[in-house]
């Protein structure tokens, strides 16, 4: 999935959102290392939320569903630079290096990289490249990828537990995954992939566990969460519908009224 508002330089890209909050859901097929120059980034993985600010480095795990909110701060646009790391690069880099087998924190939820002057210097060196009109030469992209991997391996060995581990997505606990990720707007094919199943097996396993079809269960869970946000947290319908997995406000309003007998806006009156 291509990120919005992106200036690409090979596998190094700059994203920038000027003077407005931007929200999107993303699944990257590659690991990403990002550095925030200005603004704030809120990443949500299931029911876990992490907040990153200027000067923070982030490791985004491949094939992991997340919701990102980019926020301008103090009149400055949200601005970050990211490096995509291919499996070929990672296999080559970790071929003769030790790799941690586990991370002390929950590896799928905690992904900051420890702050270090070497990281700040590296990402600062990338800024001038985005003033160029031409794409970065492939050789330079490879050099920069090797450089950032060397720095990360030096300053935060924990990252090797993610970057130096390879393998396909295995079949995981479907009930646990869906309870943590039902609020993300994804096609069933993508939920199946992320839980290590074919679409047919996903539907079959889902009905055995939840006693309902995936579509019905997802709608009920999302509307229940929306009702809580509206009634208890006093949020507005325009603030809620995207965060619970609906594509547009009109569809959300129709489904909500059909389920509860009154419009979502009536809870704030």
C-alpha atoms as a PDB file:
ATOM      1  CA  UNK A   1       0.000   0.000   0.000  1.00  0.00           C
ATOM      2  CA  UNK A   2       1.539   3.311  -1.039  1.00  0.00           C
ATOM      3  CA  UNK A   3       1.602   5.947   1.635  1.00  0.00           C
ATOM      4  CA  UNK A   4      -0.166   9.253   0.867  1.00  0.00           C
ATOM      5  CA  UNK A   5       1.599  12.604   0.470  1.00  0.00           C
ATOM      6  CA  UNK A   6       4.865  10.865  -0.269  1.00  0.00           C
ATOM      7  CA  UNK A   7       7.986  12.032  -2.066  1.00  0.00           C
ATOM      8  CA  UNK A   8       9.855   8.851  -2.999  1.00  0.00           C
ATOM      9  CA  UNK A   9      13.586   8.420  -3.484  1.00  0.00           C
ATOM     10  CA  UNK A  10      14.058   4.747  -4.248  1.00  0.00           C
ATOM     11  CA  UNK A  11      13.441   2.947  -0.966  1.00  0.00           C
ATOM     12  CA  UNK A  12      13.820   6.156   1.018  1.00  0.00           C
ATOM     13  CA  UNK A  13      10.816   8.437   1.167  1.00  0.00           C
ATOM     14  CA  UNK A  14       9.682  11.655   2.803  1.00  0.00           C
ATOM     15  CA  UNK A  15       6.099  12.112   3.967  1.00  0.00           C
ATOM     16  CA  UNK A  16       4.637  15.472   4.825  1.00  0.00           C
ATOM     17  CA  UNK A  17       1.169  16.595   5.912  1.00  0.00           C
ATOM     18  CA  UNK A  18       0.808  20.358   6.105  1.00  0.00           C
ATOM     19  CA  UNK A  19      -1.566  22.003   8.555  1.00  0.00           C
ATOM     20  CA  UNK A  20      -4.064  19.179   8.876  1.00  0.00           C
ATOM     21  CA  UNK A  21      -4.459  15.891  10.695  1.00  0.00           C
ATOM     22  CA  UNK A  22      -4.224  12.837   8.467  1.00  0.00           C
ATOM     23  CA  UNK A  23      -5.365   9.312   9.392  1.00  0.00           C
ATOM     24  CA  UNK A  24      -4.841   6.083   7.504  1.00  0.00           C
ATOM     25  CA  UNK A  25      -4.603   2.339   8.006  1.00  0.00           C
ATOM     26  CA  UNK A  26      -1.573   0.553   6.671  1.00  0.00           C
ATOM     27  CA  UNK A  27       0.039  -2.858   6.235  1.00  0.00           C
ATOM     28  CA  UNK A  28       3.584  -2.681   4.931  1.00  0.00           C
ATOM     29  CA  UNK A  29       5.027  -5.715   3.112  1.00  0.00           C
ATOM     30  CA  UNK A  30       8.468  -4.595   4.294  1.00  0.00           C
ATOM     31  CA  UNK A  31       9.966  -3.448   7.582  1.00  0.00           C
ATOM     32  CA  UNK A  32      10.188   0.351   7.809  1.00  0.00           C
ATOM     33  CA  UNK A  33      12.455   2.542   9.912  1.00  0.00           C
ATOM     34  CA  UNK A  34      11.180   6.106  10.306  1.00  0.00           C
ATOM     35  CA  UNK A  35      12.427   9.281  11.960  1.00  0.00           C
ATOM     36  CA  UNK A  36      10.187  12.213  12.860  1.00  0.00           C
ATOM     37  CA  UNK A  37      11.514  15.681  12.075  1.00  0.00           C
ATOM     38  CA  UNK A  38       8.436  17.616  13.198  1.00  0.00           C
ATOM     39  CA  UNK A  39       4.876  17.003  14.326  1.00  0.00           C
ATOM     40  CA  UNK A  40       3.451  13.994  16.129  1.00  0.00           C
ATOM     41  CA  UNK A  41       2.636  10.439  15.072  1.00  0.00           C
ATOM     42  CA  UNK A  42       0.123   8.235  16.893  1.00  0.00           C
ATOM     43  CA  UNK A  43       0.333   4.544  15.983  1.00  0.00           C
ATOM     44  CA  UNK A  44      -2.364   2.125  17.083  1.00  0.00           C
ATOM     45  CA  UNK A  45      -1.792  -1.638  16.948  1.00  0.00           C
ATOM     46  CA  UNK A  46      -5.037  -3.302  17.979  1.00  0.00           C
ATOM     47  CA  UNK A  47      -5.741  -1.927  21.470  1.00  0.00           C
ATOM     48  CA  UNK A  48      -2.184  -0.635  21.986  1.00  0.00           C
ATOM     49  CA  UNK A  49      -1.350   3.000  21.168  1.00  0.00           C
ATOM     50  CA  UNK A  50       2.112   4.551  20.920  1.00  0.00           C
ATOM     51  CA  UNK A  51       2.869   8.262  20.464  1.00  0.00           C
ATOM     52  CA  UNK A  52       6.035   9.517  18.740  1.00  0.00           C
ATOM     53  CA  UNK A  53       7.324  13.080  18.495  1.00  0.00           C
ATOM     54  CA  UNK A  54      10.119  15.012  16.820  1.00  0.00           C
ATOM     55  CA  UNK A  55      13.440  13.235  17.352  1.00  0.00           C
ATOM     56  CA  UNK A  56      11.905   9.768  17.775  1.00  0.00           C
ATOM     57  CA  UNK A  57      12.833   6.766  15.629  1.00  0.00           C
ATOM     58  CA  UNK A  58      10.277   4.042  14.923  1.00  0.00           C
ATOM     59  CA  UNK A  59      10.488   0.473  13.675  1.00  0.00           C
ATOM     60  CA  UNK A  60       7.325  -0.580  11.839  1.00  0.00           C
ATOM     61  CA  UNK A  61       7.022  -4.363  11.551  1.00  0.00           C
ATOM     62  CA  UNK A  62       6.075  -5.792   8.151  1.00  0.00           C
ATOM     63  CA  UNK A  63       2.665  -7.441   7.700  1.00  0.00           C
ATOM     64  CA  UNK A  64       1.325  -5.827  10.879  1.00  0.00           C
ATOM     65  CA  UNK A  65      -1.910  -3.860  10.790  1.00  0.00           C
ATOM     66  CA  UNK A  66      -1.730  -0.355  12.227  1.00  0.00           C
ATOM     67  CA  UNK A  67      -3.674   2.904  12.215  1.00  0.00           C
ATOM     68  CA  UNK A  68      -1.552   6.050  11.961  1.00  0.00           C
ATOM     69  CA  UNK A  69      -2.475   9.625  12.760  1.00  0.00           C
ATOM     70  CA  UNK A  70      -0.106  12.372  11.601  1.00  0.00           C
ATOM     71  CA  UNK A  71      -0.516  15.612  13.523  1.00  0.00           C
ATOM     72  CA  UNK A  72       1.080  19.022  12.836  1.00  0.00           C
ATOM     73  CA  UNK A  73       2.394  20.639  16.032  1.00  0.00           C
ATOM     74  CA  UNK A  74       3.054  24.312  16.881  1.00  0.00           C
ATOM     75  CA  UNK A  75       2.438  25.469  13.335  1.00  0.00           C
ATOM     76  CA  UNK A  76       4.923  22.982  11.912  1.00  0.00           C
ATOM     77  CA  UNK A  77       3.796  20.302   9.421  1.00  0.00           C
ATOM     78  CA  UNK A  78       4.152  16.657  10.240  1.00  0.00           C
ATOM     79  CA  UNK A  79       7.356  15.573   8.534  1.00  0.00           C
ATOM     80  CA  UNK A  80       9.272  12.324   8.641  1.00  0.00           C
ATOM     81  CA  UNK A  81      11.672  10.285   6.558  1.00  0.00           C
ATOM     82  CA  UNK A  82      11.460   6.514   6.206  1.00  0.00           C
ATOM     83  CA  UNK A  83      13.685   3.743   4.899  1.00  0.00           C
ATOM     84  CA  UNK A  84      12.131   0.527   3.547  1.00  0.00           C
ATOM     85  CA  UNK A  85      14.212  -2.569   4.215  1.00  0.00           C
ATOM     86  CA  UNK A  86      13.892  -5.513   1.857  1.00  0.00           C
ATOM     87  CA  UNK A  87      14.242  -9.111   3.010  1.00  0.00           C
ATOM     88  CA  UNK A  88      17.212  -9.509   0.668  1.00  0.00           C
ATOM     89  CA  UNK A  89      19.031  -6.623   2.368  1.00  0.00           C
ATOM     90  CA  UNK A  90      18.225  -7.950   5.825  1.00  0.00           C
ATOM     91  CA  UNK A  91      19.281 -11.515   5.088  1.00  0.00           C
ATOM     92  CA  UNK A  92      22.577 -10.259   3.721  1.00  0.00           C
ATOM     93  CA  UNK A  93      23.170  -7.951   6.687  1.00  0.00           C
ATOM     94  CA  UNK A  94      22.377 -10.504   9.417  1.00  0.00           C
ATOM     95  CA  UNK A  95      24.077 -13.445   7.700  1.00  0.00           C
ATOM     96  CA  UNK A  96      27.100 -13.341  10.014  1.00  0.00           C
ATOM     97  CA  UNK A  97      25.710 -11.271  12.874  1.00  0.00           C
ATOM     98  CA  UNK A  98      24.126 -12.470  16.141  1.00  0.00           C
ATOM     99  CA  UNK A  99      20.354 -12.072  16.395  1.00  0.00           C
ATOM    100  CA  UNK A 100      18.333 -11.825  19.607  1.00  0.00           C
ATOM    101  CA  UNK A 101      15.670 -14.499  19.816  1.00  0.00           C
ATOM    102  CA  UNK A 102      13.200 -12.302  21.692  1.00  0.00           C
ATOM    103  CA  UNK A 103      12.549  -8.750  22.827  1.00  0.00           C
ATOM    104  CA  UNK A 104      11.855  -8.036  26.498  1.00  0.00           C
ATOM    105  CA  UNK A 105       8.748  -6.003  25.617  1.00  0.00           C
ATOM    106  CA  UNK A 106       5.863  -7.283  23.519  1.00  0.00           C
ATOM    107  CA  UNK A 107       7.603  -7.375  20.153  1.00  0.00           C
ATOM    108  CA  UNK A 108       4.434  -6.769  18.157  1.00  0.00           C
ATOM    109  CA  UNK A 109       3.459  -3.630  20.067  1.00  0.00           C
ATOM    110  CA  UNK A 110       6.635  -1.886  21.279  1.00  0.00           C
ATOM    111  CA  UNK A 111       8.729  -0.652  18.371  1.00  0.00           C
ATOM    112  CA  UNK A 112      10.630   2.497  19.288  1.00  0.00           C
ATOM    113  CA  UNK A 113      14.374   2.475  18.664  1.00  0.00           C
ATOM    114  CA  UNK A 114      16.491   3.968  21.439  1.00  0.00           C
ATOM    115  CA  UNK A 115      17.488   7.571  20.756  1.00  0.00           C
ATOM    116  CA  UNK A 116      21.120   8.073  19.819  1.00  0.00           C
ATOM    117  CA  UNK A 117      23.209  10.857  18.186  1.00  0.00           C
ATOM    118  CA  UNK A 118      24.172   8.453  15.388  1.00  0.00           C
ATOM    119  CA  UNK A 119      20.518   8.032  14.423  1.00  0.00           C
ATOM    120  CA  UNK A 120      19.874  11.772  14.515  1.00  0.00           C
ATOM    121  CA  UNK A 121      22.942  12.395  12.375  1.00  0.00           C
ATOM    122  CA  UNK A 122      21.981   9.732   9.838  1.00  0.00           C
ATOM    123  CA  UNK A 123      18.455  10.999   9.300  1.00  0.00           C
ATOM    124  CA  UNK A 124      19.664  14.585   9.207  1.00  0.00           C
ATOM    125  CA  UNK A 125      21.967  13.606   6.339  1.00  0.00           C
ATOM    126  CA  UNK A 126      18.954  12.489   4.253  1.00  0.00           C
ATOM    127  CA  UNK A 127      17.181  15.855   4.205  1.00  0.00           C
ATOM    128  CA  UNK A 128      19.217  17.427   1.369  1.00  0.00           C
ATOM    129  CA  UNK A 129      18.356  14.538  -0.954  1.00  0.00           C
ATOM    130  CA  UNK A 130      14.703  15.556  -1.015  1.00  0.00           C
ATOM    131  CA  UNK A 131      15.596  18.842  -2.673  1.00  0.00           C
ATOM    132  CA  UNK A 132      16.902  16.913  -5.692  1.00  0.00           C
ATOM    133  CA  UNK A 133      14.706  16.466  -8.753  1.00  0.00           C
ATOM    134  CA  UNK A 134      16.099  13.071  -9.727  1.00  0.00           C
ATOM    135  CA  UNK A 135      15.584   9.787  -7.898  1.00  0.00           C
ATOM    136  CA  UNK A 136      18.445   8.646  -5.718  1.00  0.00           C
ATOM    137  CA  UNK A 137      20.833   6.285  -7.520  1.00  0.00           C
ATOM    138  CA  UNK A 138      20.263   2.654  -6.536  1.00  0.00           C
ATOM    139  CA  UNK A 139      23.848   2.398  -5.317  1.00  0.00           C
ATOM    140  CA  UNK A 140      23.298   5.269  -2.894  1.00  0.00           C
ATOM    141  CA  UNK A 141      20.043   3.769  -1.622  1.00  0.00           C
ATOM    142  CA  UNK A 142      21.885   0.517  -0.898  1.00  0.00           C
ATOM    143  CA  UNK A 143      24.647   2.393   0.913  1.00  0.00           C
ATOM    144  CA  UNK A 144      22.141   4.276   3.051  1.00  0.00           C
ATOM    145  CA  UNK A 145      20.201   1.093   3.853  1.00  0.00           C
ATOM    146  CA  UNK A 146      23.401  -0.630   4.949  1.00  0.00           C
ATOM    147  CA  UNK A 147      24.356   2.407   7.021  1.00  0.00           C
ATOM    148  CA  UNK A 148      21.062   2.607   8.925  1.00  0.00           C
ATOM    149  CA  UNK A 149      21.111  -1.137   9.624  1.00  0.00           C
ATOM    150  CA  UNK A 150      24.648  -0.861  11.012  1.00  0.00           C
ATOM    151  CA  UNK A 151      23.653   2.053  13.252  1.00  0.00           C
ATOM    152  CA  UNK A 152      20.516   0.306  14.546  1.00  0.00           C
ATOM    153  CA  UNK A 153      22.431  -2.890  15.262  1.00  0.00           C
ATOM    154  CA  UNK A 154      24.973  -0.817  17.192  1.00  0.00           C
ATOM    155  CA  UNK A 155      22.655   1.377  19.264  1.00  0.00           C
ATOM    156  CA  UNK A 156      19.685  -0.988  19.874  1.00  0.00           C
ATOM    157  CA  UNK A 157      20.379  -4.697  19.556  1.00  0.00           C
ATOM    158  CA  UNK A 158      16.726  -5.461  20.402  1.00  0.00           C
ATOM    159  CA  UNK A 159      15.778  -4.606  16.829  1.00  0.00           C
ATOM    160  CA  UNK A 160      17.603  -7.684  15.533  1.00  0.00           C
ATOM    161  CA  UNK A 161      14.818  -9.808  17.027  1.00  0.00           C
ATOM    162  CA  UNK A 162      12.529  -8.268  14.390  1.00  0.00           C
ATOM    163  CA  UNK A 163      14.831  -7.389  11.497  1.00  0.00           C
ATOM    164  CA  UNK A 164      16.939 -10.547  11.661  1.00  0.00           C
ATOM    165  CA  UNK A 165      14.052 -13.036  11.891  1.00  0.00           C
ATOM    166  CA  UNK A 166      12.512 -14.451   8.719  1.00  0.00           C
ATOM    167  CA  UNK A 167       9.557 -16.615   7.821  1.00  0.00           C
ATOM    168  CA  UNK A 168       5.983 -16.526   6.562  1.00  0.00           C
ATOM    169  CA  UNK A 169       2.987 -15.593   8.675  1.00  0.00           C
ATOM    170  CA  UNK A 170       1.918 -18.682  10.610  1.00  0.00           C
ATOM    171  CA  UNK A 171      -1.586 -19.579  11.683  1.00  0.00           C
ATOM    172  CA  UNK A 172      -2.297 -17.515  14.798  1.00  0.00           C
ATOM    173  CA  UNK A 173      -5.026 -17.281  17.440  1.00  0.00           C
ATOM    174  CA  UNK A 174      -7.991 -16.038  15.390  1.00  0.00           C
ATOM    175  CA  UNK A 175     -10.206 -15.074  18.320  1.00  0.00           C
ATOM    176  CA  UNK A 176      -7.505 -13.014  20.011  1.00  0.00           C
ATOM    177  CA  UNK A 177      -6.491 -11.284  16.778  1.00  0.00           C
ATOM    178  CA  UNK A 178     -10.019 -10.335  15.759  1.00  0.00           C
ATOM    179  CA  UNK A 179     -10.916  -9.053  19.239  1.00  0.00           C
ATOM    180  CA  UNK A 180      -7.897  -6.719  19.015  1.00  0.00           C
ATOM    181  CA  UNK A 181      -8.288  -5.636  15.375  1.00  0.00           C
ATOM    182  CA  UNK A 182     -11.999  -5.654  14.475  1.00  0.00           C
ATOM    183  CA  UNK A 183     -12.102  -1.855  14.318  1.00  0.00           C
ATOM    184  CA  UNK A 184      -9.814  -1.763  11.268  1.00  0.00           C
ATOM    185  CA  UNK A 185     -11.520  -1.478   7.893  1.00  0.00           C
ATOM    186  CA  UNK A 186     -10.076  -4.402   5.957  1.00  0.00           C
ATOM    187  CA  UNK A 187     -11.480  -6.874   3.435  1.00  0.00           C
ATOM    188  CA  UNK A 188     -11.886 -10.397   4.769  1.00  0.00           C
ATOM    189  CA  UNK A 189      -9.127 -11.581   2.440  1.00  0.00           C
ATOM    190  CA  UNK A 190      -6.659  -9.361   4.317  1.00  0.00           C
ATOM    191  CA  UNK A 191      -7.841 -10.534   7.754  1.00  0.00           C
ATOM    192  CA  UNK A 192      -7.379 -14.086   6.496  1.00  0.00           C
ATOM    193  CA  UNK A 193      -3.839 -13.358   5.327  1.00  0.00           C
ATOM    194  CA  UNK A 194      -2.864 -11.637   8.575  1.00  0.00           C
ATOM    195  CA  UNK A 195      -4.075 -14.604  10.618  1.00  0.00           C
ATOM    196  CA  UNK A 196      -2.241 -17.123   8.429  1.00  0.00           C
ATOM    197  CA  UNK A 197      -5.272 -18.606   6.678  1.00  0.00           C
ATOM    198  CA  UNK A 198      -6.885 -18.954   3.282  1.00  0.00           C
ATOM    199  CA  UNK A 199     -10.166 -17.074   2.959  1.00  0.00           C
ATOM    200  CA  UNK A 200     -12.129 -20.336   3.068  1.00  0.00           C
ATOM    201  CA  UNK A 201     -10.370 -21.534   6.217  1.00  0.00           C
ATOM    202  CA  UNK A 202     -10.737 -18.102   7.803  1.00  0.00           C
ATOM    203  CA  UNK A 203     -14.515 -18.105   7.308  1.00  0.00           C
ATOM    204  CA  UNK A 204     -14.824 -21.666   8.568  1.00  0.00           C
ATOM    205  CA  UNK A 205     -12.676 -21.084  11.664  1.00  0.00           C
ATOM    206  CA  UNK A 206     -14.430 -17.782  12.328  1.00  0.00           C
ATOM    207  CA  UNK A 207     -17.905 -19.312  12.393  1.00  0.00           C
ATOM    208  CA  UNK A 208     -16.750 -22.120  14.689  1.00  0.00           C
ATOM    209  CA  UNK A 209     -15.367 -19.595  17.184  1.00  0.00           C
ATOM    210  CA  UNK A 210     -17.886 -16.738  17.043  1.00  0.00           C
ATOM    211  CA  UNK A 211     -21.021 -18.593  15.860  1.00  0.00           C
ATOM    212  CA  UNK A 212     -21.650 -15.811  13.336  1.00  0.00           C
ATOM    213  CA  UNK A 213     -20.459 -14.800   9.899  1.00  0.00           C
ATOM    214  CA  UNK A 214     -17.454 -12.420   9.878  1.00  0.00           C
ATOM    215  CA  UNK A 215     -19.492  -9.616   8.294  1.00  0.00           C
ATOM    216  CA  UNK A 216     -22.245  -9.713  10.902  1.00  0.00           C
ATOM    217  CA  UNK A 217     -19.832 -10.044  13.819  1.00  0.00           C
ATOM    218  CA  UNK A 218     -17.632  -7.159  12.604  1.00  0.00           C
ATOM    219  CA  UNK A 219     -20.609  -4.834  12.148  1.00  0.00           C
ATOM    220  CA  UNK A 220     -22.004  -5.609  15.617  1.00  0.00           C
ATOM    221  CA  UNK A 221     -18.610  -5.139  17.315  1.00  0.00           C
ATOM    222  CA  UNK A 222     -17.925  -1.873  15.507  1.00  0.00           C
ATOM    223  CA  UNK A 223     -21.339  -0.428  16.316  1.00  0.00           C
ATOM    224  CA  UNK A 224     -21.013  -1.424  19.980  1.00  0.00           C
ATOM    225  CA  UNK A 225     -17.643   0.331  20.163  1.00  0.00           C
ATOM    226  CA  UNK A 226     -19.082   3.374  18.408  1.00  0.00           C
ATOM    227  CA  UNK A 227     -21.956   3.536  20.891  1.00  0.00           C
ATOM    228  CA  UNK A 228     -19.470   3.497  23.770  1.00  0.00           C
ATOM    229  CA  UNK A 229     -17.400   6.291  22.237  1.00  0.00           C
ATOM    230  CA  UNK A 230     -20.506   8.414  21.642  1.00  0.00           C
ATOM    231  CA  UNK A 231     -22.264   7.836  24.955  1.00  0.00           C
ATOM    232  CA  UNK A 232     -19.413   7.427  27.438  1.00  0.00           C
ATOM    233  CA  UNK A 233     -16.525   9.310  25.830  1.00  0.00           C
ATOM    234  CA  UNK A 234     -18.826  12.021  24.397  1.00  0.00           C
ATOM    235  CA  UNK A 235     -17.217  11.913  20.982  1.00  0.00           C
ATOM    236  CA  UNK A 236     -18.996  13.187  17.883  1.00  0.00           C
ATOM    237  CA  UNK A 237     -20.139  10.929  15.023  1.00  0.00           C
ATOM    238  CA  UNK A 238     -17.622  12.616  12.718  1.00  0.00           C
ATOM    239  CA  UNK A 239     -14.854  11.647  15.160  1.00  0.00           C
ATOM    240  CA  UNK A 240     -16.044   8.085  15.599  1.00  0.00           C
ATOM    241  CA  UNK A 241     -16.969   6.457  12.299  1.00  0.00           C
ATOM    242  CA  UNK A 242     -13.436   6.093  10.898  1.00  0.00           C
ATOM    243  CA  UNK A 243     -11.961   4.918  14.191  1.00  0.00           C
ATOM    244  CA  UNK A 244     -14.400   1.994  14.399  1.00  0.00           C
ATOM    245  CA  UNK A 245     -13.967   0.770  10.832  1.00  0.00           C
ATOM    246  CA  UNK A 246     -16.639   2.497   8.711  1.00  0.00           C
ATOM    247  CA  UNK A 247     -15.658   4.013   5.362  1.00  0.00           C
ATOM    248  CA  UNK A 248     -18.066   6.955   5.400  1.00  0.00           C
ATOM    249  CA  UNK A 249     -20.366   8.796   7.760  1.00  0.00           C
ATOM    250  CA  UNK A 250     -23.604   8.077   5.891  1.00  0.00           C
ATOM    251  CA  UNK A 251     -23.080   4.301   5.988  1.00  0.00           C
ATOM    252  CA  UNK A 252     -22.187   4.506   9.672  1.00  0.00           C
ATOM    253  CA  UNK A 253     -25.285   6.586  10.468  1.00  0.00           C
ATOM    254  CA  UNK A 254     -27.574   4.194   8.575  1.00  0.00           C
ATOM    255  CA  UNK A 255     -26.111   1.077  10.259  1.00  0.00           C
ATOM    256  CA  UNK A 256     -26.171   2.684  13.712  1.00  0.00           C
ATOM    257  CA  UNK A 257     -29.823   3.748  13.439  1.00  0.00           C
ATOM    258  CA  UNK A 258     -30.805   0.307  12.124  1.00  0.00           C
ATOM    259  CA  UNK A 259     -29.094  -1.386  15.074  1.00  0.00           C
ATOM    260  CA  UNK A 260     -30.158   0.916  17.924  1.00  0.00           C
ATOM    261  CA  UNK A 261     -33.293   2.656  16.652  1.00  0.00           C
ATOM    262  CA  UNK A 262     -31.880   6.197  16.925  1.00  0.00           C
ATOM    263  CA  UNK A 263     -29.211   8.224  15.158  1.00  0.00           C
ATOM    264  CA  UNK A 264     -25.659   8.501  16.550  1.00  0.00           C
ATOM    265  CA  UNK A 265     -26.004  12.258  16.825  1.00  0.00           C
ATOM    266  CA  UNK A 266     -28.890  11.926  19.289  1.00  0.00           C
ATOM    267  CA  UNK A 267     -26.524  10.638  22.011  1.00  0.00           C
ATOM    268  CA  UNK A 268     -24.814  14.027  22.197  1.00  0.00           C
ATOM    269  CA  UNK A 269     -27.982  16.094  22.370  1.00  0.00           C
END
